Structures are given as C-alpha cells and as structure tokens.
Amino acid sequence: MDEAFKEQFRGAIATLASSTTARKVPSFQECRFCDIPSQCCPERVENPPDQSLENHDLF
C-alpha cells in the first residue's frame, strides 16, 4: 500500500462517514436491477445508453 492508496482510502471513508449525502451517479447498468420505481427515484435511468455513443475513434 503506497501513500496514494492510503489517501484514496481515507477519502472514501470520509465520504461514507460524512453527514452530507454523496453525489448520485445512476447508470442504466445499476438501475435495471433496482426495484425502486421512477416515481420514487427521479434519478432512475430507464433506457440503455445510445449505442452510437460507443462507436467513436477516441481510443
């Protein structure tokens, strides 16, 4: 374990222990397994991402 890992670990623990709600980053891959309806979760992602976004020449 190097110092960078320790710092990242401390940051994760601080986020979990904070009284401030963590930033929500929903995705279709996660939401498709969730039982909470979109009426109760405005962040819910109902549709898969546009496949055309995966066809690019960035890499």
N, C-alpha and C. Protein backbone atom coordinates (compact mmCIF):
# COMPACT_ATOMS: atom_id res chain seq x y z
N MET A 1 0.85 -1.18 0.00
CA MET A 1 0.00 0.00 0.00
C MET A 1 0.89 1.24 0.00
N ASP A 2 0.78 2.01 -1.04
CA ASP A 2 1.55 3.24 -1.11
C ASP A 2 0.72 4.41 -0.55
N GLU A 3 1.33 5.56 -0.49
CA GLU A 3 0.67 6.73 0.10
C GLU A 3 -0.55 7.17 -0.72
N ALA A 4 -0.50 7.02 -2.03
CA ALA A 4 -1.65 7.40 -2.87
C ALA A 4 -2.86 6.54 -2.54
N PHE A 5 -2.65 5.24 -2.35
CA PHE A 5 -3.75 4.35 -1.98
C PHE A 5 -4.32 4.73 -0.63
N LYS A 6 -3.44 5.00 0.33
CA LYS A 6 -3.90 5.37 1.67
C LYS A 6 -4.74 6.65 1.62
N GLU A 7 -4.32 7.60 0.82
CA GLU A 7 -5.07 8.86 0.71
C GLU A 7 -6.43 8.63 0.06
N GLN A 8 -6.48 7.80 -0.98
CA GLN A 8 -7.75 7.49 -1.63
C GLN A 8 -8.67 6.74 -0.66
N PHE A 9 -8.12 5.84 0.12
CA PHE A 9 -8.90 5.10 1.10
C PHE A 9 -9.46 6.03 2.17
N ARG A 10 -8.64 6.94 2.66
CA ARG A 10 -9.11 7.92 3.65
C ARG A 10 -10.24 8.77 3.09
N GLY A 11 -10.12 9.16 1.83
CA GLY A 11 -11.17 9.94 1.18
C GLY A 11 -12.48 9.18 1.08
N ALA A 12 -12.39 7.88 0.76
CA ALA A 12 -13.59 7.05 0.66
C ALA A 12 -14.26 6.93 2.03
N ILE A 13 -13.48 6.71 3.05
CA ILE A 13 -14.03 6.60 4.42
C ILE A 13 -14.66 7.94 4.84
N ALA A 14 -14.02 9.04 4.51
CA ALA A 14 -14.57 10.35 4.86
C ALA A 14 -15.90 10.58 4.15
N THR A 15 -16.01 10.15 2.90
CA THR A 15 -17.27 10.28 2.16
C THR A 15 -18.36 9.45 2.81
N LEU A 16 -18.04 8.22 3.18
CA LEU A 16 -19.02 7.34 3.82
C LEU A 16 -19.45 7.85 5.19
N ALA A 17 -18.54 8.45 5.92
CA ALA A 17 -18.83 8.90 7.28
C ALA A 17 -19.44 10.30 7.32
N SER A 18 -19.48 10.99 6.21
CA SER A 18 -19.96 12.37 6.16
C SER A 18 -21.47 12.44 6.38
N SER A 19 -21.91 13.53 6.96
CA SER A 19 -23.35 13.75 7.13
C SER A 19 -23.97 14.30 5.84
N THR A 20 -23.13 14.73 4.90
CA THR A 20 -23.59 15.21 3.61
C THR A 20 -23.85 14.02 2.70
N THR A 21 -24.97 14.05 1.99
CA THR A 21 -25.31 12.97 1.08
C THR A 21 -24.30 12.92 -0.07
N ALA A 22 -23.87 11.72 -0.40
CA ALA A 22 -22.93 11.55 -1.51
C ALA A 22 -23.61 11.88 -2.83
N ARG A 23 -22.82 12.28 -3.81
CA ARG A 23 -23.32 12.61 -5.15
C ARG A 23 -23.89 11.35 -5.79
N LYS A 24 -25.06 11.45 -6.38
CA LYS A 24 -25.69 10.31 -7.05
C LYS A 24 -25.21 10.26 -8.49
N VAL A 25 -24.81 9.08 -8.91
CA VAL A 25 -24.35 8.88 -10.28
C VAL A 25 -25.01 7.61 -10.81
N PRO A 26 -26.31 7.68 -11.12
CA PRO A 26 -27.01 6.48 -11.57
C PRO A 26 -26.59 6.09 -12.99
N SER A 27 -26.77 4.82 -13.29
CA SER A 27 -26.50 4.33 -14.64
C SER A 27 -27.54 3.27 -14.98
N PHE A 28 -27.73 3.03 -16.25
CA PHE A 28 -28.67 2.01 -16.68
C PHE A 28 -28.26 0.64 -16.12
N GLN A 29 -26.97 0.36 -16.12
CA GLN A 29 -26.49 -0.94 -15.65
C GLN A 29 -26.87 -1.18 -14.19
N GLU A 30 -26.87 -0.15 -13.37
CA GLU A 30 -27.27 -0.29 -11.97
C GLU A 30 -28.78 -0.23 -11.79
N CYS A 31 -29.41 0.72 -12.44
CA CYS A 31 -30.85 0.95 -12.25
C CYS A 31 -31.70 -0.22 -12.75
N ARG A 32 -31.23 -0.95 -13.73
CA ARG A 32 -32.06 -2.03 -14.28
C ARG A 32 -32.29 -3.16 -13.27
N PHE A 33 -31.47 -3.24 -12.22
CA PHE A 33 -31.64 -4.26 -11.20
C PHE A 33 -32.36 -3.74 -9.96
N CYS A 34 -32.68 -2.47 -9.93
CA CYS A 34 -33.27 -1.84 -8.76
C CYS A 34 -34.80 -1.93 -8.80
N ASP A 35 -35.40 -2.19 -7.65
CA ASP A 35 -36.85 -2.31 -7.54
C ASP A 35 -37.56 -0.98 -7.26
N ILE A 36 -36.80 0.08 -7.02
CA ILE A 36 -37.42 1.38 -6.70
C ILE A 36 -37.96 2.00 -7.98
N PRO A 37 -39.24 2.31 -8.04
CA PRO A 37 -39.83 2.87 -9.28
C PRO A 37 -39.36 4.30 -9.53
N SER A 38 -39.49 4.72 -10.78
CA SER A 38 -39.06 6.06 -11.16
C SER A 38 -39.88 7.15 -10.46
N GLN A 39 -41.11 6.84 -10.02
CA GLN A 39 -41.91 7.80 -9.28
C GLN A 39 -41.25 8.16 -7.94
N CYS A 40 -40.49 7.23 -7.38
CA CYS A 40 -39.83 7.45 -6.09
C CYS A 40 -38.35 7.83 -6.25
N CYS A 41 -37.82 7.67 -7.46
CA CYS A 41 -36.41 7.97 -7.71
C CYS A 41 -36.27 8.76 -9.01
N PRO A 42 -36.24 10.08 -8.91
CA PRO A 42 -36.15 10.88 -10.13
C PRO A 42 -34.83 10.70 -10.89
N GLU A 43 -33.80 10.16 -10.24
CA GLU A 43 -32.52 9.94 -10.90
C GLU A 43 -32.47 8.64 -11.69
N ARG A 44 -33.51 7.81 -11.57
CA ARG A 44 -33.51 6.49 -12.20
C ARG A 44 -33.29 6.60 -13.72
N VAL A 45 -32.46 5.71 -14.25
CA VAL A 45 -32.17 5.65 -15.68
C VAL A 45 -32.95 4.48 -16.24
N GLU A 46 -33.96 4.76 -17.05
CA GLU A 46 -34.87 3.73 -17.56
C GLU A 46 -34.39 3.10 -18.87
N ASN A 47 -33.68 3.84 -19.68
CA ASN A 47 -33.32 3.36 -21.01
C ASN A 47 -31.81 3.15 -21.13
N PRO A 48 -31.41 2.15 -21.91
CA PRO A 48 -29.97 1.94 -22.12
C PRO A 48 -29.38 3.13 -22.88
N PRO A 49 -28.07 3.34 -22.73
CA PRO A 49 -27.45 4.46 -23.43
C PRO A 49 -27.51 4.27 -24.95
N ASP A 50 -27.46 5.36 -25.64
CA ASP A 50 -27.47 5.34 -27.11
C ASP A 50 -26.24 4.59 -27.60
N GLN A 51 -26.44 3.56 -28.39
CA GLN A 51 -25.33 2.74 -28.87
C GLN A 51 -24.38 3.51 -29.77
N SER A 52 -24.86 4.57 -30.40
CA SER A 52 -23.99 5.34 -31.29
C SER A 52 -22.88 6.04 -30.51
N LEU A 53 -23.08 6.23 -29.22
CA LEU A 53 -22.04 6.86 -28.40
C LEU A 53 -20.84 5.93 -28.20
N GLU A 54 -21.05 4.63 -28.34
CA GLU A 54 -19.97 3.67 -28.14
C GLU A 54 -19.07 3.55 -29.37
N ASN A 55 -19.55 3.98 -30.53
CA ASN A 55 -18.76 3.91 -31.74
C ASN A 55 -18.06 5.25 -31.96
N HIS A 56 -16.83 5.32 -31.51
CA HIS A 56 -16.07 6.55 -31.65
C HIS A 56 -14.61 6.20 -31.93
N ASP A 57 -13.82 7.17 -32.24
CA ASP A 57 -12.41 6.94 -32.52
C ASP A 57 -11.51 7.61 -31.49
N LEU A 58 -12.00 7.68 -30.24
CA LEU A 58 -11.21 8.34 -29.20
C LEU A 58 -10.04 7.50 -28.73
N PHE A 59 -10.14 6.18 -28.84
CA PHE A 59 -9.07 5.31 -28.33
C PHE A 59 -8.50 4.48 -29.44
